[in-house]
């Protein structure tokens, strides 16, 4: 299949109708090794990032020799690295695709790198991201603002190594009530809402540099990594500038990244200096 182009089809209509789409070749394939090396740098110096107060680093295998196998999530450090910002977040192709959906300048909020090492990695239960954002249950509303939830593949993502699985059209359930199991994420059983995940779910397999976009009310899940291949991806949410007040009203206490602006008048923005963590500073602290 040839690489998708932004103007090939109406991506906004596909998102609102089916609840998701995969856009192939968003990132330059030559940038993937550069991105992965920066992720490795963050993993190698995760303790220093935490000392600087930008933690949200979660270990899975703390004794693993490979730093990329130690963690299942490297959260906010992903948005403090200039290289990652330019090659992934404010990349002109990223800006063009997101603006084609949101029809506005936009901000990035939440997310980070999710890592599943070979033969490992935890299960993320079935859920809607709207529940993770603490949005109250509500009937389906076609006029509800769309949050651009995304996953950018850094490694090849397959069903065997724990790619995201999603139930098409499930966003039309509206926002549904979830249950919290212990200290885990809130979750929901698709069977309670007329879906059989074994039959209805789609495995969103991707190549490095592809992006998966889904509606915040679409039911999705990811399984463990049963393969001998690592799986890394960047997940997050882009929010239209006009919808930030709506989002703040729903989550008044959420100041994570303070809805960091990505573009202005359609032009990509640099990472603000107050967010930039220079790698030389990290190296100096490590010595």
C-alpha atoms as a PDB file:
ATOM      1  CA  UNK A   1       0.000   0.000   0.000  1.00  0.00           C
ATOM      2  CA  UNK A   2       1.404   3.383  -0.917  1.00  0.00           C
ATOM      3  CA  UNK A   3       1.974   5.970   1.784  1.00  0.00           C
ATOM      4  CA  UNK A   4      -1.094   8.007   2.587  1.00  0.00           C
ATOM      5  CA  UNK A   5      -1.150  11.711   1.908  1.00  0.00           C
ATOM      6  CA  UNK A   6      -3.094  14.199   3.982  1.00  0.00           C
ATOM      7  CA  UNK A   7      -5.374  15.253   1.138  1.00  0.00           C
ATOM      8  CA  UNK A   8      -6.090  11.769  -0.187  1.00  0.00           C
ATOM      9  CA  UNK A   9      -9.340  11.428   1.748  1.00  0.00           C
ATOM     10  CA  UNK A  10     -11.573  13.054   4.344  1.00  0.00           C
ATOM     11  CA  UNK A  11      -9.836  11.902   7.511  1.00  0.00           C
ATOM     12  CA  UNK A  12     -12.199  13.872   9.739  1.00  0.00           C
ATOM     13  CA  UNK A  13     -15.209  12.037   8.317  1.00  0.00           C
ATOM     14  CA  UNK A  14     -13.488   8.680   8.789  1.00  0.00           C
ATOM     15  CA  UNK A  15     -12.669   9.511  12.414  1.00  0.00           C
ATOM     16  CA  UNK A  16     -16.227  10.600  13.217  1.00  0.00           C
ATOM     17  CA  UNK A  17     -17.827   7.689  11.362  1.00  0.00           C
ATOM     18  CA  UNK A  18     -15.578   4.683  12.028  1.00  0.00           C
ATOM     19  CA  UNK A  19     -13.946   6.040  15.172  1.00  0.00           C
ATOM     20  CA  UNK A  20     -10.331   5.690  14.043  1.00  0.00           C
ATOM     21  CA  UNK A  21      -7.896   5.671  11.139  1.00  0.00           C
ATOM     22  CA  UNK A  22      -4.254   4.807  10.442  1.00  0.00           C
ATOM     23  CA  UNK A  23      -2.201   7.312   8.470  1.00  0.00           C
ATOM     24  CA  UNK A  24       0.857   5.692   6.962  1.00  0.00           C
ATOM     25  CA  UNK A  25       4.294   7.278   6.826  1.00  0.00           C
ATOM     26  CA  UNK A  26       3.661  10.358   8.957  1.00  0.00           C
ATOM     27  CA  UNK A  27       7.290  10.475  10.053  1.00  0.00           C
ATOM     28  CA  UNK A  28      10.403  10.322   7.926  1.00  0.00           C
ATOM     29  CA  UNK A  29      11.709   6.764   8.205  1.00  0.00           C
ATOM     30  CA  UNK A  30      15.270   8.143   8.412  1.00  0.00           C
ATOM     31  CA  UNK A  31      14.272   9.915  11.633  1.00  0.00           C
ATOM     32  CA  UNK A  32      13.175   6.733  13.420  1.00  0.00           C
ATOM     33  CA  UNK A  33      16.702   5.695  14.575  1.00  0.00           C
ATOM     34  CA  UNK A  34      17.320   9.270  15.783  1.00  0.00           C
ATOM     35  CA  UNK A  35      14.059   9.261  17.736  1.00  0.00           C
ATOM     36  CA  UNK A  36      14.788   5.869  19.245  1.00  0.00           C
ATOM     37  CA  UNK A  37      18.243   6.993  20.369  1.00  0.00           C
ATOM     38  CA  UNK A  38      16.695   9.967  22.150  1.00  0.00           C
ATOM     39  CA  UNK A  39      14.209   7.648  23.890  1.00  0.00           C
ATOM     40  CA  UNK A  40      17.147   5.516  24.983  1.00  0.00           C
ATOM     41  CA  UNK A  41      18.888   8.625  26.353  1.00  0.00           C
ATOM     42  CA  UNK A  42      15.786   9.475  28.403  1.00  0.00           C
ATOM     43  CA  UNK A  43      15.567   5.908  29.717  1.00  0.00           C
ATOM     44  CA  UNK A  44      19.260   5.913  30.665  1.00  0.00           C
ATOM     45  CA  UNK A  45      18.820   9.166  32.622  1.00  0.00           C
ATOM     46  CA  UNK A  46      15.272   8.701  33.913  1.00  0.00           C
ATOM     47  CA  UNK A  47      16.334   9.261  37.525  1.00  0.00           C
ATOM     48  CA  UNK A  48      17.716  12.698  36.630  1.00  0.00           C
ATOM     49  CA  UNK A  49      14.521  13.695  34.844  1.00  0.00           C
ATOM     50  CA  UNK A  50      12.643  12.737  37.994  1.00  0.00           C
ATOM     51  CA  UNK A  51      15.018  14.825  40.129  1.00  0.00           C
ATOM     52  CA  UNK A  52      14.194  17.781  37.869  1.00  0.00           C
ATOM     53  CA  UNK A  53      10.524  17.317  38.717  1.00  0.00           C
ATOM     54  CA  UNK A  54       9.355  16.038  35.343  1.00  0.00           C
ATOM     55  CA  UNK A  55       8.904  12.433  36.344  1.00  0.00           C
ATOM     56  CA  UNK A  56       5.938  10.249  35.481  1.00  0.00           C
ATOM     57  CA  UNK A  57       8.483   7.529  34.777  1.00  0.00           C
ATOM     58  CA  UNK A  58       7.131   4.042  35.513  1.00  0.00           C
ATOM     59  CA  UNK A  59       9.380   1.011  35.765  1.00  0.00           C
ATOM     60  CA  UNK A  60       8.334  -2.471  34.733  1.00  0.00           C
ATOM     61  CA  UNK A  61      11.607  -4.422  34.920  1.00  0.00           C
ATOM     62  CA  UNK A  62      13.944  -2.290  37.088  1.00  0.00           C
ATOM     63  CA  UNK A  63      16.823  -4.774  36.834  1.00  0.00           C
ATOM     64  CA  UNK A  64      16.798  -5.107  33.043  1.00  0.00           C
ATOM     65  CA  UNK A  65      20.206  -4.476  31.451  1.00  0.00           C
ATOM     66  CA  UNK A  66      18.741  -2.735  28.405  1.00  0.00           C
ATOM     67  CA  UNK A  67      17.387   0.659  29.575  1.00  0.00           C
ATOM     68  CA  UNK A  68      14.576   0.427  27.012  1.00  0.00           C
ATOM     69  CA  UNK A  69      13.409  -2.755  28.750  1.00  0.00           C
ATOM     70  CA  UNK A  70      13.239  -1.208  32.233  1.00  0.00           C
ATOM     71  CA  UNK A  71      10.204   1.000  31.717  1.00  0.00           C
ATOM     72  CA  UNK A  72       6.687   0.637  30.455  1.00  0.00           C
ATOM     73  CA  UNK A  73       6.103   4.388  30.390  1.00  0.00           C
ATOM     74  CA  UNK A  74       8.310   7.463  29.963  1.00  0.00           C
ATOM     75  CA  UNK A  75       5.796  10.221  30.291  1.00  0.00           C
ATOM     76  CA  UNK A  76       6.511  13.948  30.370  1.00  0.00           C
ATOM     77  CA  UNK A  77      10.247  13.730  29.472  1.00  0.00           C
ATOM     78  CA  UNK A  78       9.112  13.092  25.905  1.00  0.00           C
ATOM     79  CA  UNK A  79       7.906  16.690  25.717  1.00  0.00           C
ATOM     80  CA  UNK A  80      11.096  18.257  27.072  1.00  0.00           C
ATOM     81  CA  UNK A  81      13.459  17.113  24.313  1.00  0.00           C
ATOM     82  CA  UNK A  82      13.950  19.450  21.359  1.00  0.00           C
ATOM     83  CA  UNK A  83      14.749  16.692  18.866  1.00  0.00           C
ATOM     84  CA  UNK A  84      11.635  14.688  19.738  1.00  0.00           C
ATOM     85  CA  UNK A  85       9.506  17.827  19.632  1.00  0.00           C
ATOM     86  CA  UNK A  86      10.666  18.810  16.146  1.00  0.00           C
ATOM     87  CA  UNK A  87      10.645  15.356  14.588  1.00  0.00           C
ATOM     88  CA  UNK A  88       7.352  14.130  16.060  1.00  0.00           C
ATOM     89  CA  UNK A  89       5.115  16.793  17.617  1.00  0.00           C
ATOM     90  CA  UNK A  90       5.756  19.941  15.540  1.00  0.00           C
ATOM     91  CA  UNK A  91       6.798  18.043  12.416  1.00  0.00           C
ATOM     92  CA  UNK A  92       5.056  19.903   9.519  1.00  0.00           C
ATOM     93  CA  UNK A  93       3.317  16.690   8.421  1.00  0.00           C
ATOM     94  CA  UNK A  94       2.003  16.168  11.957  1.00  0.00           C
ATOM     95  CA  UNK A  95       0.753  19.758  12.066  1.00  0.00           C
ATOM     96  CA  UNK A  96      -0.882  19.410   8.649  1.00  0.00           C
ATOM     97  CA  UNK A  97      -2.705  16.200   9.559  1.00  0.00           C
ATOM     98  CA  UNK A  98      -3.911  17.424  12.948  1.00  0.00           C
ATOM     99  CA  UNK A  99      -5.148  20.733  11.543  1.00  0.00           C
ATOM    100  CA  UNK A 100      -7.011  18.868   8.802  1.00  0.00           C
ATOM    101  CA  UNK A 101      -8.995  17.145  11.579  1.00  0.00           C
ATOM    102  CA  UNK A 102      -9.324  19.849  14.237  1.00  0.00           C
ATOM    103  CA  UNK A 103      -9.579  22.801  11.823  1.00  0.00           C
ATOM    104  CA  UNK A 104      -7.710  25.007  14.278  1.00  0.00           C
ATOM    105  CA  UNK A 105      -4.355  25.596  15.911  1.00  0.00           C
ATOM    106  CA  UNK A 106      -3.834  23.044  18.657  1.00  0.00           C
ATOM    107  CA  UNK A 107      -2.052  22.061  21.856  1.00  0.00           C
ATOM    108  CA  UNK A 108      -0.617  18.777  23.119  1.00  0.00           C
ATOM    109  CA  UNK A 109      -1.669  17.398  26.479  1.00  0.00           C
ATOM    110  CA  UNK A 110      -0.675  14.230  28.335  1.00  0.00           C
ATOM    111  CA  UNK A 111       0.882  11.085  26.975  1.00  0.00           C
ATOM    112  CA  UNK A 112       4.420   9.888  26.516  1.00  0.00           C
ATOM    113  CA  UNK A 113       6.356   6.860  25.334  1.00  0.00           C
ATOM    114  CA  UNK A 114       4.887   3.432  26.040  1.00  0.00           C
ATOM    115  CA  UNK A 115       7.339   0.532  25.950  1.00  0.00           C
ATOM    116  CA  UNK A 116       6.722  -3.204  25.802  1.00  0.00           C
ATOM    117  CA  UNK A 117       9.935  -5.247  25.898  1.00  0.00           C
ATOM    118  CA  UNK A 118      10.106  -8.710  24.300  1.00  0.00           C
ATOM    119  CA  UNK A 119       8.035 -11.383  26.053  1.00  0.00           C
ATOM    120  CA  UNK A 120       6.811  -8.827  28.551  1.00  0.00           C
ATOM    121  CA  UNK A 121       4.616  -5.776  28.920  1.00  0.00           C
ATOM    122  CA  UNK A 122       1.393  -5.365  30.820  1.00  0.00           C
ATOM    123  CA  UNK A 123      -2.179  -5.468  29.509  1.00  0.00           C
ATOM    124  CA  UNK A 124      -4.090  -2.209  29.115  1.00  0.00           C
ATOM    125  CA  UNK A 125      -7.759  -3.123  29.695  1.00  0.00           C
ATOM    126  CA  UNK A 126     -10.673  -2.092  27.497  1.00  0.00           C
ATOM    127  CA  UNK A 127     -11.543   1.547  28.091  1.00  0.00           C
ATOM    128  CA  UNK A 128     -12.453   4.904  26.571  1.00  0.00           C
ATOM    129  CA  UNK A 129      -9.958   7.743  26.889  1.00  0.00           C
ATOM    130  CA  UNK A 130     -12.805  10.032  27.891  1.00  0.00           C
ATOM    131  CA  UNK A 131     -13.060   7.968  31.100  1.00  0.00           C
ATOM    132  CA  UNK A 132      -9.318   8.278  31.666  1.00  0.00           C
ATOM    133  CA  UNK A 133      -9.854  12.050  31.414  1.00  0.00           C
ATOM    134  CA  UNK A 134     -12.581  11.750  34.096  1.00  0.00           C
ATOM    135  CA  UNK A 135     -15.310  12.898  31.732  1.00  0.00           C
ATOM    136  CA  UNK A 136     -18.745  11.988  33.129  1.00  0.00           C
ATOM    137  CA  UNK A 137     -20.906   9.421  31.280  1.00  0.00           C
ATOM    138  CA  UNK A 138     -23.087  10.983  28.596  1.00  0.00           C
ATOM    139  CA  UNK A 139     -25.119   9.872  25.551  1.00  0.00           C
ATOM    140  CA  UNK A 140     -23.533   9.998  22.129  1.00  0.00           C
ATOM    141  CA  UNK A 141     -23.314  13.580  20.886  1.00  0.00           C
ATOM    142  CA  UNK A 142     -22.041  14.056  17.310  1.00  0.00           C
ATOM    143  CA  UNK A 143     -21.248  17.679  18.183  1.00  0.00           C
ATOM    144  CA  UNK A 144     -18.984  16.872  21.138  1.00  0.00           C
ATOM    145  CA  UNK A 145     -15.502  18.348  20.549  1.00  0.00           C
ATOM    146  CA  UNK A 146     -13.098  15.780  19.146  1.00  0.00           C
ATOM    147  CA  UNK A 147      -9.865  15.131  21.000  1.00  0.00           C
ATOM    148  CA  UNK A 148      -7.135  13.923  18.640  1.00  0.00           C
ATOM    149  CA  UNK A 149      -5.940  10.814  20.512  1.00  0.00           C
ATOM    150  CA  UNK A 150      -2.909   9.348  18.777  1.00  0.00           C
ATOM    151  CA  UNK A 151      -0.267   6.644  18.770  1.00  0.00           C
ATOM    152  CA  UNK A 152       2.895   7.065  16.679  1.00  0.00           C
ATOM    153  CA  UNK A 153       4.746   3.803  16.072  1.00  0.00           C
ATOM    154  CA  UNK A 154       8.505   3.830  16.702  1.00  0.00           C
ATOM    155  CA  UNK A 155       8.785   0.063  16.330  1.00  0.00           C
ATOM    156  CA  UNK A 156       6.631  -2.150  14.162  1.00  0.00           C
ATOM    157  CA  UNK A 157       3.395  -2.801  16.075  1.00  0.00           C
ATOM    158  CA  UNK A 158       1.681  -6.171  15.637  1.00  0.00           C
ATOM    159  CA  UNK A 159      -0.992  -8.128  17.450  1.00  0.00           C
ATOM    160  CA  UNK A 160       1.722 -10.467  18.691  1.00  0.00           C
ATOM    161  CA  UNK A 161       3.777  -7.685  20.306  1.00  0.00           C
ATOM    162  CA  UNK A 162       0.807  -5.929  21.886  1.00  0.00           C
ATOM    163  CA  UNK A 163      -0.465  -3.380  19.368  1.00  0.00           C
ATOM    164  CA  UNK A 164      -3.555  -1.364  20.187  1.00  0.00           C
ATOM    165  CA  UNK A 165      -6.851  -3.113  19.401  1.00  0.00           C
ATOM    166  CA  UNK A 166      -9.993  -1.098  18.819  1.00  0.00           C
ATOM    167  CA  UNK A 167     -13.710  -1.698  18.190  1.00  0.00           C
ATOM    168  CA  UNK A 168     -14.848   0.310  15.131  1.00  0.00           C
ATOM    169  CA  UNK A 169     -17.931   2.524  15.559  1.00  0.00           C
ATOM    170  CA  UNK A 170     -17.916   2.022  19.356  1.00  0.00           C
ATOM    171  CA  UNK A 171     -17.547   5.779  19.883  1.00  0.00           C
ATOM    172  CA  UNK A 172     -21.271   5.955  19.109  1.00  0.00           C
ATOM    173  CA  UNK A 173     -21.962   4.423  22.517  1.00  0.00           C
ATOM    174  CA  UNK A 174     -21.254   7.862  23.935  1.00  0.00           C
ATOM    175  CA  UNK A 175     -19.312   8.151  27.185  1.00  0.00           C
ATOM    176  CA  UNK A 176     -20.022   5.070  29.302  1.00  0.00           C
ATOM    177  CA  UNK A 177     -19.423   4.287  32.974  1.00  0.00           C
ATOM    178  CA  UNK A 178     -16.171   2.487  33.829  1.00  0.00           C
ATOM    179  CA  UNK A 179     -15.049   0.462  36.833  1.00  0.00           C
ATOM    180  CA  UNK A 180     -11.714   0.727  38.609  1.00  0.00           C
ATOM    181  CA  UNK A 181     -10.051  -2.582  39.469  1.00  0.00           C
ATOM    182  CA  UNK A 182      -7.645  -2.042  42.367  1.00  0.00           C
ATOM    183  CA  UNK A 183      -5.050   0.563  41.421  1.00  0.00           C
ATOM    184  CA  UNK A 184      -5.316  -0.183  37.728  1.00  0.00           C
ATOM    185  CA  UNK A 185      -6.869   1.928  35.010  1.00  0.00           C
ATOM    186  CA  UNK A 186     -10.599   2.255  34.843  1.00  0.00           C
ATOM    187  CA  UNK A 187     -12.023  -0.339  32.497  1.00  0.00           C
ATOM    188  CA  UNK A 188     -15.180  -1.561  30.827  1.00  0.00           C
ATOM    189  CA  UNK A 189     -16.367  -4.898  29.414  1.00  0.00           C
ATOM    190  CA  UNK A 190     -17.396  -4.460  25.758  1.00  0.00           C
ATOM    191  CA  UNK A 191     -19.774  -7.417  26.148  1.00  0.00           C
ATOM    192  CA  UNK A 192     -21.914  -5.315  28.472  1.00  0.00           C
ATOM    193  CA  UNK A 193     -22.506  -2.975  25.540  1.00  0.00           C
ATOM    194  CA  UNK A 194     -23.254  -5.427  22.758  1.00  0.00           C
ATOM    195  CA  UNK A 195     -19.738  -6.115  21.466  1.00  0.00           C
ATOM    196  CA  UNK A 196     -17.731  -9.326  21.309  1.00  0.00           C
ATOM    197  CA  UNK A 197     -14.077  -8.229  21.383  1.00  0.00           C
ATOM    198  CA  UNK A 198     -12.860 -11.528  19.915  1.00  0.00           C
ATOM    199  CA  UNK A 199     -14.993 -10.896  16.824  1.00  0.00           C
ATOM    200  CA  UNK A 200     -15.428  -7.122  16.682  1.00  0.00           C
ATOM    201  CA  UNK A 201     -11.988  -5.785  17.592  1.00  0.00           C
ATOM    202  CA  UNK A 202      -9.493  -4.698  14.939  1.00  0.00           C
ATOM    203  CA  UNK A 203      -5.756  -5.099  15.572  1.00  0.00           C
ATOM    204  CA  UNK A 204      -4.171  -1.783  14.562  1.00  0.00           C
ATOM    205  CA  UNK A 205      -0.902  -3.085  13.159  1.00  0.00           C
ATOM    206  CA  UNK A 206       1.539  -0.368  12.096  1.00  0.00           C
ATOM    207  CA  UNK A 207       4.967   0.236  10.621  1.00  0.00           C
ATOM    208  CA  UNK A 208       7.495   2.639  12.220  1.00  0.00           C
ATOM    209  CA  UNK A 209       6.454   6.211  11.469  1.00  0.00           C
ATOM    210  CA  UNK A 210       2.731   5.451  11.057  1.00  0.00           C
ATOM    211  CA  UNK A 211       0.157   7.176  13.259  1.00  0.00           C
ATOM    212  CA  UNK A 212      -3.088   5.748  14.639  1.00  0.00           C
ATOM    213  CA  UNK A 213      -5.779   8.306  15.484  1.00  0.00           C
ATOM    214  CA  UNK A 214      -8.945   7.423  17.394  1.00  0.00           C
ATOM    215  CA  UNK A 215     -12.010   9.104  18.883  1.00  0.00           C
ATOM    216  CA  UNK A 216     -11.854   9.648  22.635  1.00  0.00           C
ATOM    217  CA  UNK A 217     -14.983   7.494  23.088  1.00  0.00           C
ATOM    218  CA  UNK A 218     -13.765   4.539  21.003  1.00  0.00           C
ATOM    219  CA  UNK A 219     -13.247   1.346  23.018  1.00  0.00           C
ATOM    220  CA  UNK A 220      -9.649   0.144  22.842  1.00  0.00           C
ATOM    221  CA  UNK A 221      -7.207  -2.223  24.527  1.00  0.00           C
ATOM    222  CA  UNK A 222      -3.693  -3.605  24.175  1.00  0.00           C
ATOM    223  CA  UNK A 223      -2.351  -7.007  25.149  1.00  0.00           C
ATOM    224  CA  UNK A 224       1.045  -8.179  26.374  1.00  0.00           C
ATOM    225  CA  UNK A 225       4.059  -8.552  24.132  1.00  0.00           C
ATOM    226  CA  UNK A 226       4.263 -12.259  23.297  1.00  0.00           C
ATOM    227  CA  UNK A 227       6.951 -11.804  20.650  1.00  0.00           C
ATOM    228  CA  UNK A 228      10.730 -11.483  20.707  1.00  0.00           C
ATOM    229  CA  UNK A 229      10.443  -7.945  19.285  1.00  0.00           C
ATOM    230  CA  UNK A 230      10.280  -4.718  21.282  1.00  0.00           C
ATOM    231  CA  UNK A 231       7.341  -2.338  20.804  1.00  0.00           C
ATOM    232  CA  UNK A 232       7.713   1.400  21.473  1.00  0.00           C
ATOM    233  CA  UNK A 233       5.279   4.152  20.553  1.00  0.00           C
ATOM    234  CA  UNK A 234       4.431   7.727  21.479  1.00  0.00           C
ATOM    235  CA  UNK A 235       0.847   8.269  22.625  1.00  0.00           C
ATOM    236  CA  UNK A 236      -0.849  11.545  23.481  1.00  0.00           C
ATOM    237  CA  UNK A 237      -3.696  13.921  22.777  1.00  0.00           C
ATOM    238  CA  UNK A 238      -3.900  16.998  20.583  1.00  0.00           C
ATOM    239  CA  UNK A 239      -6.660  19.471  21.495  1.00  0.00           C
ATOM    240  CA  UNK A 240      -7.970  22.310  19.333  1.00  0.00           C
ATOM    241  CA  UNK A 241      -7.196  25.736  20.761  1.00  0.00           C
ATOM    242  CA  UNK A 242     -10.898  26.625  20.783  1.00  0.00           C
ATOM    243  CA  UNK A 243     -11.681  23.520  22.897  1.00  0.00           C
ATOM    244  CA  UNK A 244      -9.153  24.156  25.681  1.00  0.00           C
ATOM    245  CA  UNK A 245     -11.705  26.093  27.820  1.00  0.00           C
ATOM    246  CA  UNK A 246     -14.156  23.189  27.428  1.00  0.00           C
ATOM    247  CA  UNK A 247     -11.442  20.766  28.518  1.00  0.00           C
ATOM    248  CA  UNK A 248     -10.430  22.906  31.487  1.00  0.00           C
ATOM    249  CA  UNK A 249     -14.056  23.056  32.629  1.00  0.00           C
ATOM    250  CA  UNK A 250     -14.165  19.254  32.667  1.00  0.00           C
ATOM    251  CA  UNK A 251     -10.782  18.847  34.360  1.00  0.00           C
ATOM    252  CA  UNK A 252     -10.104  22.115  36.227  1.00  0.00           C
ATOM    253  CA  UNK A 253      -7.235  20.600  38.198  1.00  0.00           C
ATOM    254  CA  UNK A 254      -5.329  19.287  35.200  1.00  0.00           C
ATOM    255  CA  UNK A 255      -2.313  21.461  34.471  1.00  0.00           C
ATOM    256  CA  UNK A 256      -0.142  18.751  32.937  1.00  0.00           C
ATOM    257  CA  UNK A 257       2.021  20.470  30.308  1.00  0.00           C
ATOM    258  CA  UNK A 258      -0.447  23.355  30.587  1.00  0.00           C
ATOM    259  CA  UNK A 259      -1.870  22.480  27.167  1.00  0.00           C
ATOM    260  CA  UNK A 260       1.432  23.140  25.428  1.00  0.00           C
ATOM    261  CA  UNK A 261       0.808  24.947  22.088  1.00  0.00           C
ATOM    262  CA  UNK A 262       2.139  23.188  18.982  1.00  0.00           C
ATOM    263  CA  UNK A 263       1.307  25.645  16.190  1.00  0.00           C
ATOM    264  CA  UNK A 264       0.095  29.194  15.617  1.00  0.00           C
ATOM    265  CA  UNK A 265      -1.727  30.272  12.452  1.00  0.00           C
ATOM    266  CA  UNK A 266      -0.834  26.870  11.041  1.00  0.00           C
ATOM    267  CA  UNK A 267       2.907  27.313  11.593  1.00  0.00           C
ATOM    268  CA  UNK A 268       4.817  24.887  13.867  1.00  0.00           C
ATOM    269  CA  UNK A 269       6.124  26.377  17.108  1.00  0.00           C
ATOM    270  CA  UNK A 270       9.429  25.684  18.806  1.00  0.00           C
ATOM    271  CA  UNK A 271       9.462  24.021  22.190  1.00  0.00           C
ATOM    272  CA  UNK A 272       9.237  26.854  24.768  1.00  0.00           C
ATOM    273  CA  UNK A 273      12.513  27.472  26.577  1.00  0.00           C
ATOM    274  CA  UNK A 274      10.889  26.906  29.966  1.00  0.00           C
ATOM    275  CA  UNK A 275      10.050  23.336  28.899  1.00  0.00           C
ATOM    276  CA  UNK A 276      13.341  22.524  27.197  1.00  0.00           C
ATOM    277  CA  UNK A 277      15.682  20.230  29.113  1.00  0.00           C
ATOM    278  CA  UNK A 278      19.073  20.391  27.420  1.00  0.00           C
ATOM    279  CA  UNK A 279      20.832  17.042  27.133  1.00  0.00           C
ATOM    280  CA  UNK A 280      24.143  18.657  28.090  1.00  0.00           C
ATOM    281  CA  UNK A 281      22.513  19.642  31.385  1.00  0.00           C
ATOM    282  CA  UNK A 282      21.435  16.038  31.919  1.00  0.00           C
ATOM    283  CA  UNK A 283      24.938  14.765  31.137  1.00  0.00           C
ATOM    284  CA  UNK A 284      26.495  17.269  33.541  1.00  0.00           C
ATOM    285  CA  UNK A 285      24.175  16.122  36.320  1.00  0.00           C
ATOM    286  CA  UNK A 286      25.035  12.496  35.558  1.00  0.00           C
ATOM    287  CA  UNK A 287      28.795  13.032  35.800  1.00  0.00           C
END
